Amino acid sequence: MNTRHITDEYGMMTDDATLVIQRWLPGPADRIWRYLTEEDLRRKWLASGQMPLVADAPFTLVWRNDDLCRAPDHRGPDRPEEESLQSRVIAVTPGRELTIAWGHGDVTFLLEPQGDRVLLTVTHRGLSDPRTRNQVAAGWHTHLDILVAQANGKAGPSFWITWNRLQDDYAVRLAS
C-alpha cells in the first residue's frame, strides 16, 4: 500500500465512505504493534478488550473515554459512560498490518518503519453517514493524539474537550 506522508494531523476522506488518518510514532514498529494489539496498552489510548490475533476471531472493544480525561473535562449528558463494539479480526500480518471489522465497516492499521520512527496509517471504511463520519474522524484524531503522547511517555490531551472541538473542525473539513 502506498501512503501519503502527512502534512497535518487531520484525517481526510479518500472517497465517500473512507477516512485515512496518519501519525508519526517513535519506533520500533514492534513496540507500536503492542499498542494496537495488547489490551493493557490499547486501553490507555483507545479501548480495552482481548483481541485474538487470528483471522475471523471475534472480540469486543470497550471504550471508557472518561478514563482518558483530566479534570475539569467531562462527557456530555448524551454520551454513555461506556460503549462496546462487537468486532472480528479480518486479517493480521504481525508487526505490520491489522484489519478488523468495525460496525458496518472495517479499520486497517498499517505500520511503516522509517528510520527510528513509524508511520501509522489508520484507514476506516464504511463511513457513509456524514454525522457519524465527523464523530468518528474526531474520535480517531483524539485517540491517535493520545497514542502519540503515550508512545512518547507524555500526558495526552483530555479526551472529551478535544473530541468536542474536533467535531466542529471535521464538520467543516469533511464537508468540502
N, C-alpha and C. Protein backbone atom coordinates (compact mmCIF):
# COMPACT_ATOMS: atom_id res chain seq x y z
N MET A 1 0.84 -1.18 0.00
CA MET A 1 0.00 0.00 0.00
C MET A 1 0.88 1.23 0.00
N ASN A 2 0.63 2.12 -0.90
CA ASN A 2 1.38 3.35 -1.00
C ASN A 2 0.63 4.43 -0.23
N THR A 3 1.23 4.99 0.80
CA THR A 3 0.57 6.00 1.60
C THR A 3 1.23 7.35 1.40
N ARG A 4 0.45 8.38 1.60
CA ARG A 4 0.98 9.74 1.53
C ARG A 4 1.61 10.07 2.88
N HIS A 5 2.53 10.99 2.89
CA HIS A 5 3.08 11.46 4.16
C HIS A 5 2.20 12.59 4.66
N ILE A 6 1.93 12.58 5.95
CA ILE A 6 1.01 13.56 6.49
C ILE A 6 1.59 14.97 6.42
N THR A 7 0.72 15.90 6.09
CA THR A 7 1.11 17.30 6.10
C THR A 7 0.48 18.01 7.29
N ASP A 8 -0.58 17.42 7.85
CA ASP A 8 -1.15 17.89 9.10
C ASP A 8 -1.75 16.68 9.80
N GLU A 9 -2.31 16.90 10.97
CA GLU A 9 -2.78 15.78 11.76
C GLU A 9 -4.22 15.38 11.48
N TYR A 10 -4.88 16.12 10.59
CA TYR A 10 -6.28 15.82 10.31
C TYR A 10 -6.40 14.66 9.33
N GLY A 11 -7.47 13.89 9.51
CA GLY A 11 -7.77 12.83 8.57
C GLY A 11 -8.39 13.41 7.32
N MET A 12 -8.42 12.58 6.28
CA MET A 12 -9.04 13.01 5.03
C MET A 12 -9.88 11.88 4.47
N MET A 13 -10.94 12.23 3.78
CA MET A 13 -11.76 11.25 3.11
C MET A 13 -11.13 10.96 1.77
N THR A 14 -10.89 9.68 1.48
CA THR A 14 -10.31 9.31 0.19
C THR A 14 -11.39 8.91 -0.80
N ASP A 15 -12.59 8.67 -0.31
CA ASP A 15 -13.78 8.50 -1.13
C ASP A 15 -14.97 8.84 -0.23
N ASP A 16 -16.18 8.58 -0.68
CA ASP A 16 -17.37 8.99 0.08
C ASP A 16 -17.53 8.31 1.43
N ALA A 17 -16.80 7.23 1.67
CA ALA A 17 -17.00 6.48 2.91
C ALA A 17 -15.71 6.01 3.57
N THR A 18 -14.54 6.54 3.15
CA THR A 18 -13.27 6.07 3.68
C THR A 18 -12.44 7.21 4.25
N LEU A 19 -12.14 7.11 5.55
CA LEU A 19 -11.31 8.08 6.25
C LEU A 19 -9.90 7.50 6.39
N VAL A 20 -8.90 8.31 6.09
CA VAL A 20 -7.50 7.94 6.30
C VAL A 20 -6.87 9.00 7.19
N ILE A 21 -6.21 8.55 8.25
CA ILE A 21 -5.53 9.46 9.18
C ILE A 21 -4.21 8.83 9.57
N GLN A 22 -3.18 9.65 9.69
CA GLN A 22 -1.83 9.14 9.95
C GLN A 22 -1.19 9.85 11.13
N ARG A 23 -0.24 9.14 11.75
CA ARG A 23 0.57 9.71 12.81
C ARG A 23 1.98 9.11 12.76
N TRP A 24 2.96 9.96 13.05
CA TRP A 24 4.33 9.50 13.25
C TRP A 24 4.49 9.12 14.72
N LEU A 25 5.10 7.99 14.95
CA LEU A 25 5.32 7.49 16.30
C LEU A 25 6.77 7.06 16.45
N PRO A 26 7.29 7.10 17.69
CA PRO A 26 8.66 6.61 17.90
C PRO A 26 8.69 5.09 17.76
N GLY A 27 9.71 4.59 17.08
CA GLY A 27 9.83 3.14 16.86
C GLY A 27 10.36 2.43 18.07
N PRO A 28 10.60 1.17 17.89
CA PRO A 28 10.45 0.39 16.66
C PRO A 28 8.99 -0.02 16.42
N ALA A 29 8.72 -0.55 15.24
CA ALA A 29 7.36 -0.93 14.85
C ALA A 29 6.77 -1.98 15.79
N ASP A 30 7.58 -2.91 16.27
CA ASP A 30 7.06 -3.94 17.19
C ASP A 30 6.50 -3.32 18.47
N ARG A 31 7.10 -2.25 18.91
CA ARG A 31 6.60 -1.56 20.10
C ARG A 31 5.23 -0.95 19.83
N ILE A 32 5.07 -0.31 18.69
CA ILE A 32 3.80 0.31 18.34
C ILE A 32 2.75 -0.77 18.08
N TRP A 33 3.14 -1.90 17.51
CA TRP A 33 2.23 -3.04 17.31
C TRP A 33 1.60 -3.45 18.63
N ARG A 34 2.39 -3.44 19.68
CA ARG A 34 1.86 -3.81 21.01
C ARG A 34 0.76 -2.84 21.45
N TYR A 35 0.92 -1.55 21.14
CA TYR A 35 -0.13 -0.56 21.47
C TYR A 35 -1.43 -0.84 20.72
N LEU A 36 -1.35 -1.46 19.57
CA LEU A 36 -2.53 -1.79 18.78
C LEU A 36 -3.20 -3.08 19.26
N THR A 37 -2.39 -4.03 19.70
CA THR A 37 -2.90 -5.39 19.91
C THR A 37 -2.99 -5.86 21.35
N GLU A 38 -2.24 -5.26 22.25
CA GLU A 38 -2.26 -5.70 23.65
C GLU A 38 -3.22 -4.83 24.46
N GLU A 39 -4.16 -5.51 25.10
CA GLU A 39 -5.23 -4.80 25.81
C GLU A 39 -4.72 -3.78 26.82
N ASP A 40 -3.72 -4.13 27.62
CA ASP A 40 -3.25 -3.21 28.67
C ASP A 40 -2.67 -1.92 28.08
N LEU A 41 -2.09 -1.97 26.90
CA LEU A 41 -1.58 -0.76 26.26
C LEU A 41 -2.67 -0.06 25.44
N ARG A 42 -3.51 -0.82 24.74
CA ARG A 42 -4.55 -0.23 23.90
C ARG A 42 -5.57 0.55 24.72
N ARG A 43 -5.91 0.07 25.92
CA ARG A 43 -6.92 0.77 26.73
C ARG A 43 -6.43 2.14 27.18
N LYS A 44 -5.12 2.39 27.15
CA LYS A 44 -4.58 3.68 27.56
C LYS A 44 -4.77 4.77 26.50
N TRP A 45 -5.15 4.35 25.29
CA TRP A 45 -5.35 5.35 24.24
C TRP A 45 -6.63 5.14 23.42
N LEU A 46 -7.21 3.93 23.44
CA LEU A 46 -8.37 3.66 22.61
C LEU A 46 -9.45 2.91 23.37
N ALA A 47 -9.32 1.60 23.46
CA ALA A 47 -10.37 0.77 24.05
C ALA A 47 -9.76 -0.52 24.58
N SER A 48 -10.40 -1.08 25.59
CA SER A 48 -9.94 -2.36 26.13
C SER A 48 -10.61 -3.51 25.38
N GLY A 49 -10.19 -4.71 25.70
CA GLY A 49 -10.76 -5.91 25.09
C GLY A 49 -9.66 -6.82 24.57
N GLN A 50 -9.76 -8.09 24.95
CA GLN A 50 -8.81 -9.09 24.46
C GLN A 50 -9.02 -9.29 22.96
N MET A 51 -7.96 -9.23 22.19
CA MET A 51 -8.04 -9.37 20.74
C MET A 51 -7.19 -10.55 20.28
N PRO A 52 -7.82 -11.67 19.97
CA PRO A 52 -7.03 -12.79 19.43
C PRO A 52 -6.51 -12.41 18.04
N LEU A 53 -5.25 -12.61 17.81
CA LEU A 53 -4.65 -12.22 16.53
C LEU A 53 -4.73 -13.36 15.52
N VAL A 54 -5.98 -13.78 15.26
CA VAL A 54 -6.28 -14.87 14.34
C VAL A 54 -7.43 -14.42 13.46
N ALA A 55 -7.30 -14.59 12.15
CA ALA A 55 -8.37 -14.19 11.24
C ALA A 55 -9.68 -14.87 11.63
N ASP A 56 -10.76 -14.10 11.55
CA ASP A 56 -12.13 -14.50 11.87
C ASP A 56 -12.41 -14.62 13.36
N ALA A 57 -11.45 -14.26 14.21
CA ALA A 57 -11.67 -14.33 15.66
C ALA A 57 -12.55 -13.17 16.11
N PRO A 58 -13.64 -13.45 16.82
CA PRO A 58 -14.48 -12.38 17.35
C PRO A 58 -13.87 -11.80 18.63
N PHE A 59 -14.19 -10.54 18.91
CA PHE A 59 -13.76 -9.90 20.16
C PHE A 59 -14.63 -8.68 20.38
N THR A 60 -14.54 -8.11 21.56
CA THR A 60 -15.31 -6.92 21.92
C THR A 60 -14.36 -5.81 22.34
N LEU A 61 -14.54 -4.64 21.75
CA LEU A 61 -13.82 -3.44 22.19
C LEU A 61 -14.72 -2.68 23.15
N VAL A 62 -14.14 -2.17 24.24
CA VAL A 62 -14.91 -1.43 25.24
C VAL A 62 -14.22 -0.08 25.48
N TRP A 63 -14.98 1.00 25.18
CA TRP A 63 -14.48 2.35 25.37
C TRP A 63 -14.94 2.88 26.72
N ARG A 64 -14.00 3.45 27.45
CA ARG A 64 -14.27 4.20 28.67
C ARG A 64 -13.50 5.51 28.55
N ASN A 65 -14.01 6.39 27.70
CA ASN A 65 -13.28 7.62 27.38
C ASN A 65 -13.09 8.54 28.57
N ASP A 66 -13.93 8.39 29.61
CA ASP A 66 -13.72 9.17 30.82
C ASP A 66 -12.35 8.87 31.43
N ASP A 67 -11.85 7.65 31.22
CA ASP A 67 -10.53 7.27 31.74
C ASP A 67 -9.40 8.00 31.01
N LEU A 68 -9.72 8.62 29.88
CA LEU A 68 -8.73 9.33 29.08
C LEU A 68 -8.84 10.85 29.27
N CYS A 69 -9.48 11.24 30.37
CA CYS A 69 -9.73 12.66 30.65
C CYS A 69 -9.02 13.13 31.91
N ARG A 70 -8.83 14.44 31.96
CA ARG A 70 -8.35 15.11 33.17
C ARG A 70 -9.39 16.16 33.56
N ALA A 71 -9.49 16.46 34.84
CA ALA A 71 -10.43 17.49 35.31
C ALA A 71 -10.06 18.81 34.65
N PRO A 72 -11.00 19.62 34.29
CA PRO A 72 -12.44 19.55 34.54
C PRO A 72 -13.22 18.93 33.38
N ASP A 73 -12.57 18.17 32.52
CA ASP A 73 -13.22 17.56 31.36
C ASP A 73 -14.29 16.55 31.78
N HIS A 74 -15.39 16.51 31.06
CA HIS A 74 -16.42 15.50 31.32
C HIS A 74 -17.24 15.31 30.05
N ARG A 75 -17.80 14.13 29.93
CA ARG A 75 -18.63 13.82 28.76
C ARG A 75 -19.97 14.53 28.88
N GLY A 76 -20.56 14.75 27.76
CA GLY A 76 -21.89 15.37 27.75
C GLY A 76 -22.95 14.39 28.21
N PRO A 77 -24.14 14.89 28.54
CA PRO A 77 -25.21 14.04 29.05
C PRO A 77 -25.72 13.04 28.02
N ASP A 78 -25.46 13.28 26.74
CA ASP A 78 -25.93 12.37 25.69
C ASP A 78 -24.94 11.25 25.39
N ARG A 79 -23.80 11.24 26.07
CA ARG A 79 -22.77 10.23 25.81
C ARG A 79 -22.75 9.22 26.95
N PRO A 80 -22.72 7.93 26.65
CA PRO A 80 -22.68 6.91 27.71
C PRO A 80 -21.30 6.84 28.37
N GLU A 81 -21.29 6.35 29.58
CA GLU A 81 -20.03 6.17 30.32
C GLU A 81 -19.16 5.10 29.66
N GLU A 82 -19.82 4.11 29.07
CA GLU A 82 -19.10 3.00 28.45
C GLU A 82 -19.80 2.63 27.15
N GLU A 83 -19.02 2.35 26.13
CA GLU A 83 -19.57 1.87 24.86
C GLU A 83 -18.79 0.64 24.45
N SER A 84 -19.49 -0.31 23.82
CA SER A 84 -18.79 -1.50 23.35
C SER A 84 -19.16 -1.79 21.90
N LEU A 85 -18.29 -2.50 21.23
CA LEU A 85 -18.47 -2.84 19.83
C LEU A 85 -18.03 -4.28 19.61
N GLN A 86 -18.98 -5.10 19.15
CA GLN A 86 -18.64 -6.46 18.78
C GLN A 86 -17.87 -6.37 17.47
N SER A 87 -16.74 -7.02 17.41
CA SER A 87 -15.89 -6.92 16.24
C SER A 87 -15.34 -8.28 15.87
N ARG A 88 -14.48 -8.28 14.85
CA ARG A 88 -13.88 -9.51 14.38
C ARG A 88 -12.57 -9.17 13.69
N VAL A 89 -11.57 -9.98 13.93
CA VAL A 89 -10.30 -9.81 13.22
C VAL A 89 -10.51 -10.29 11.79
N ILE A 90 -10.15 -9.47 10.83
CA ILE A 90 -10.27 -9.85 9.42
C ILE A 90 -8.95 -10.40 8.90
N ALA A 91 -7.86 -9.67 9.17
CA ALA A 91 -6.54 -10.10 8.67
C ALA A 91 -5.45 -9.57 9.59
N VAL A 92 -4.37 -10.33 9.70
CA VAL A 92 -3.24 -9.96 10.53
C VAL A 92 -1.94 -10.28 9.81
N THR A 93 -1.07 -9.29 9.72
CA THR A 93 0.32 -9.50 9.33
C THR A 93 1.12 -8.98 10.52
N PRO A 94 1.57 -9.87 11.42
CA PRO A 94 2.18 -9.44 12.68
C PRO A 94 3.24 -8.36 12.51
N GLY A 95 3.12 -7.33 13.35
CA GLY A 95 4.07 -6.23 13.35
C GLY A 95 3.91 -5.25 12.21
N ARG A 96 2.97 -5.51 11.31
CA ARG A 96 2.84 -4.67 10.11
C ARG A 96 1.42 -4.17 9.83
N GLU A 97 0.44 -5.08 9.83
CA GLU A 97 -0.91 -4.68 9.41
C GLU A 97 -1.97 -5.49 10.14
N LEU A 98 -3.02 -4.80 10.53
CA LEU A 98 -4.15 -5.41 11.23
C LEU A 98 -5.43 -4.82 10.67
N THR A 99 -6.36 -5.68 10.26
CA THR A 99 -7.67 -5.21 9.80
C THR A 99 -8.73 -5.88 10.65
N ILE A 100 -9.65 -5.06 11.15
CA ILE A 100 -10.74 -5.57 11.98
C ILE A 100 -12.08 -5.05 11.48
N ALA A 101 -13.12 -5.88 11.64
CA ALA A 101 -14.49 -5.43 11.36
C ALA A 101 -14.86 -4.41 12.42
N TRP A 102 -15.54 -3.35 11.99
CA TRP A 102 -15.85 -2.23 12.87
C TRP A 102 -17.24 -1.73 12.50
N GLY A 103 -18.24 -2.14 13.24
CA GLY A 103 -19.60 -1.73 12.89
C GLY A 103 -19.96 -2.23 11.52
N HIS A 104 -20.40 -1.30 10.65
CA HIS A 104 -20.78 -1.66 9.29
C HIS A 104 -19.60 -1.55 8.33
N GLY A 105 -18.42 -1.30 8.85
CA GLY A 105 -17.24 -1.17 8.00
C GLY A 105 -16.08 -1.94 8.56
N ASP A 106 -14.88 -1.45 8.28
CA ASP A 106 -13.68 -2.07 8.84
C ASP A 106 -12.60 -1.01 9.00
N VAL A 107 -11.61 -1.36 9.82
CA VAL A 107 -10.48 -0.47 10.09
C VAL A 107 -9.20 -1.25 9.86
N THR A 108 -8.27 -0.63 9.13
CA THR A 108 -6.94 -1.20 8.91
C THR A 108 -5.91 -0.29 9.56
N PHE A 109 -5.02 -0.91 10.33
CA PHE A 109 -3.88 -0.23 10.93
C PHE A 109 -2.65 -0.71 10.17
N LEU A 110 -1.91 0.19 9.57
CA LEU A 110 -0.70 -0.15 8.82
C LEU A 110 0.48 0.55 9.45
N LEU A 111 1.53 -0.21 9.77
CA LEU A 111 2.76 0.33 10.34
C LEU A 111 3.86 0.30 9.29
N GLU A 112 4.49 1.46 9.06
CA GLU A 112 5.59 1.56 8.11
C GLU A 112 6.82 2.15 8.81
N PRO A 113 7.79 1.29 9.16
CA PRO A 113 9.00 1.79 9.80
C PRO A 113 9.79 2.68 8.83
N GLN A 114 10.28 3.80 9.36
CA GLN A 114 11.11 4.70 8.57
C GLN A 114 12.16 5.29 9.51
N GLY A 115 13.33 4.69 9.48
CA GLY A 115 14.38 5.09 10.40
C GLY A 115 14.01 4.72 11.82
N ASP A 116 14.10 5.70 12.73
CA ASP A 116 13.76 5.43 14.13
C ASP A 116 12.30 5.76 14.44
N ARG A 117 11.52 6.04 13.39
CA ARG A 117 10.10 6.34 13.56
C ARG A 117 9.24 5.33 12.81
N VAL A 118 7.93 5.38 13.12
CA VAL A 118 6.96 4.50 12.46
C VAL A 118 5.79 5.37 12.01
N LEU A 119 5.41 5.22 10.74
CA LEU A 119 4.22 5.90 10.25
C LEU A 119 3.05 4.95 10.42
N LEU A 120 2.08 5.36 11.25
CA LEU A 120 0.85 4.60 11.44
C LEU A 120 -0.22 5.22 10.56
N THR A 121 -0.80 4.39 9.69
CA THR A 121 -1.91 4.82 8.86
C THR A 121 -3.14 4.05 9.29
N VAL A 122 -4.20 4.78 9.66
CA VAL A 122 -5.47 4.17 10.03
C VAL A 122 -6.44 4.47 8.88
N THR A 123 -7.01 3.41 8.32
CA THR A 123 -7.99 3.54 7.24
C THR A 123 -9.30 2.96 7.74
N HIS A 124 -10.31 3.81 7.86
CA HIS A 124 -11.63 3.39 8.35
C HIS A 124 -12.61 3.46 7.18
N ARG A 125 -13.08 2.30 6.74
CA ARG A 125 -14.02 2.20 5.63
C ARG A 125 -15.45 1.99 6.16
N GLY A 126 -16.43 2.48 5.41
CA GLY A 126 -17.83 2.29 5.79
C GLY A 126 -18.46 3.48 6.47
N LEU A 127 -17.90 4.66 6.27
CA LEU A 127 -18.39 5.88 6.92
C LEU A 127 -19.23 6.71 5.95
N SER A 128 -20.35 6.17 5.54
CA SER A 128 -21.17 6.87 4.55
C SER A 128 -22.05 7.97 5.15
N ASP A 129 -22.40 7.89 6.43
CA ASP A 129 -23.25 8.89 7.07
C ASP A 129 -22.40 10.09 7.52
N PRO A 130 -22.68 11.31 7.01
CA PRO A 130 -21.85 12.47 7.35
C PRO A 130 -21.76 12.78 8.85
N ARG A 131 -22.86 12.65 9.59
CA ARG A 131 -22.81 12.96 11.02
C ARG A 131 -21.90 11.97 11.75
N THR A 132 -22.08 10.70 11.45
CA THR A 132 -21.22 9.67 12.04
C THR A 132 -19.77 9.87 11.62
N ARG A 133 -19.57 10.23 10.37
CA ARG A 133 -18.21 10.44 9.84
C ARG A 133 -17.47 11.49 10.65
N ASN A 134 -18.14 12.61 10.97
CA ASN A 134 -17.49 13.68 11.74
C ASN A 134 -17.14 13.21 13.15
N GLN A 135 -18.05 12.48 13.78
CA GLN A 135 -17.78 11.96 15.13
C GLN A 135 -16.64 10.96 15.12
N VAL A 136 -16.64 10.07 14.14
CA VAL A 136 -15.59 9.05 14.05
C VAL A 136 -14.24 9.70 13.73
N ALA A 137 -14.23 10.65 12.80
CA ALA A 137 -12.97 11.33 12.46
C ALA A 137 -12.41 12.06 13.68
N ALA A 138 -13.28 12.76 14.41
CA ALA A 138 -12.83 13.44 15.63
C ALA A 138 -12.35 12.43 16.66
N GLY A 139 -13.01 11.28 16.74
CA GLY A 139 -12.60 10.24 17.67
C GLY A 139 -11.23 9.68 17.33
N TRP A 140 -11.02 9.31 16.06
CA TRP A 140 -9.70 8.80 15.67
C TRP A 140 -8.62 9.83 15.93
N HIS A 141 -8.88 11.08 15.56
CA HIS A 141 -7.90 12.14 15.74
C HIS A 141 -7.52 12.25 17.22
N THR A 142 -8.52 12.29 18.09
CA THR A 142 -8.27 12.41 19.53
C THR A 142 -7.54 11.19 20.08
N HIS A 143 -8.04 10.01 19.75
CA HIS A 143 -7.39 8.79 20.24
C HIS A 143 -5.95 8.67 19.75
N LEU A 144 -5.70 9.03 18.50
CA LEU A 144 -4.33 8.95 17.98
C LEU A 144 -3.42 9.99 18.62
N ASP A 145 -3.95 11.17 18.93
CA ASP A 145 -3.14 12.15 19.66
C ASP A 145 -2.75 11.61 21.04
N ILE A 146 -3.67 10.90 21.67
CA ILE A 146 -3.38 10.28 22.97
C ILE A 146 -2.33 9.18 22.80
N LEU A 147 -2.44 8.39 21.72
CA LEU A 147 -1.44 7.34 21.44
C LEU A 147 -0.05 7.95 21.25
N VAL A 148 0.03 9.01 20.47
CA VAL A 148 1.33 9.66 20.24
C VAL A 148 1.94 10.09 21.57
N ALA A 149 1.14 10.70 22.42
CA ALA A 149 1.63 11.12 23.73
C ALA A 149 2.08 9.92 24.55
N GLN A 150 1.26 8.88 24.62
CA GLN A 150 1.61 7.66 25.37
C GLN A 150 2.93 7.08 24.86
N ALA A 151 3.07 6.95 23.55
CA ALA A 151 4.27 6.36 22.96
C ALA A 151 5.51 7.20 23.23
N ASN A 152 5.31 8.49 23.48
CA ASN A 152 6.42 9.40 23.78
C ASN A 152 6.59 9.62 25.28
N GLY A 153 5.83 8.87 26.10
CA GLY A 153 5.96 8.99 27.55
C GLY A 153 5.41 10.28 28.11
N LYS A 154 4.42 10.86 27.46
CA LYS A 154 3.85 12.13 27.89
C LYS A 154 2.35 11.98 28.16
N ALA A 155 1.78 12.97 28.81
CA ALA A 155 0.33 13.02 29.02
C ALA A 155 -0.31 13.51 27.73
N GLY A 156 -1.36 12.84 27.32
CA GLY A 156 -2.06 13.24 26.10
C GLY A 156 -3.11 14.27 26.39
N PRO A 157 -3.79 14.72 25.33
CA PRO A 157 -4.89 15.66 25.53
C PRO A 157 -6.04 15.00 26.27
N SER A 158 -6.84 15.78 26.93
CA SER A 158 -8.02 15.27 27.62
C SER A 158 -9.08 14.95 26.57
N PHE A 159 -9.68 13.76 26.66
CA PHE A 159 -10.49 13.23 25.57
C PHE A 159 -11.68 14.10 25.18
N TRP A 160 -12.62 14.35 26.09
CA TRP A 160 -13.89 14.97 25.70
C TRP A 160 -13.71 16.40 25.21
N ILE A 161 -12.86 17.18 25.84
CA ILE A 161 -12.63 18.55 25.38
C ILE A 161 -12.11 18.53 23.94
N THR A 162 -11.14 17.67 23.69
CA THR A 162 -10.53 17.59 22.36
C THR A 162 -11.54 17.07 21.33
N TRP A 163 -12.25 16.00 21.67
CA TRP A 163 -13.22 15.39 20.75
C TRP A 163 -14.31 16.39 20.36
N ASN A 164 -14.84 17.12 21.34
CA ASN A 164 -15.88 18.10 21.04
C ASN A 164 -15.38 19.20 20.10
N ARG A 165 -14.18 19.69 20.35
CA ARG A 165 -13.61 20.73 19.49
C ARG A 165 -13.39 20.20 18.07
N LEU A 166 -12.88 18.99 17.97
CA LEU A 166 -12.55 18.43 16.66
C LEU A 166 -13.78 18.10 15.82
N GLN A 167 -14.92 17.80 16.46
CA GLN A 167 -16.14 17.54 15.67
C GLN A 167 -16.48 18.74 14.81
N ASP A 168 -16.37 19.94 15.37
CA ASP A 168 -16.66 21.15 14.61
C ASP A 168 -15.64 21.32 13.47
N ASP A 169 -14.36 21.08 13.76
CA ASP A 169 -13.33 21.17 12.73
C ASP A 169 -13.63 20.20 11.59
N TYR A 170 -13.96 18.95 11.94
CA TYR A 170 -14.21 17.95 10.89
C TYR A 170 -15.50 18.23 10.13
N ALA A 171 -16.49 18.80 10.76
CA ALA A 171 -17.72 19.14 10.05
C ALA A 171 -17.40 20.10 8.89
N VAL A 172 -16.48 21.02 9.12
CA VAL A 172 -16.07 21.96 8.08
C VAL A 172 -15.14 21.28 7.08
N ARG A 173 -14.11 20.59 7.57
CA ARG A 173 -13.12 19.97 6.68
C ARG A 173 -13.70 18.90 5.78
N LEU A 174 -14.56 18.06 6.33
CA LEU A 174 -15.08 16.92 5.55
C LEU A 174 -16.28 17.29 4.69
N ALA A 175 -16.83 18.51 4.89
CA ALA A 175 -17.95 18.95 4.06
C ALA A 175 -17.48 19.38 2.68
N SER A 176 -16.21 19.77 2.60
CA SER A 176 -15.70 20.25 1.31
C SER A 176 -15.15 19.14 0.46
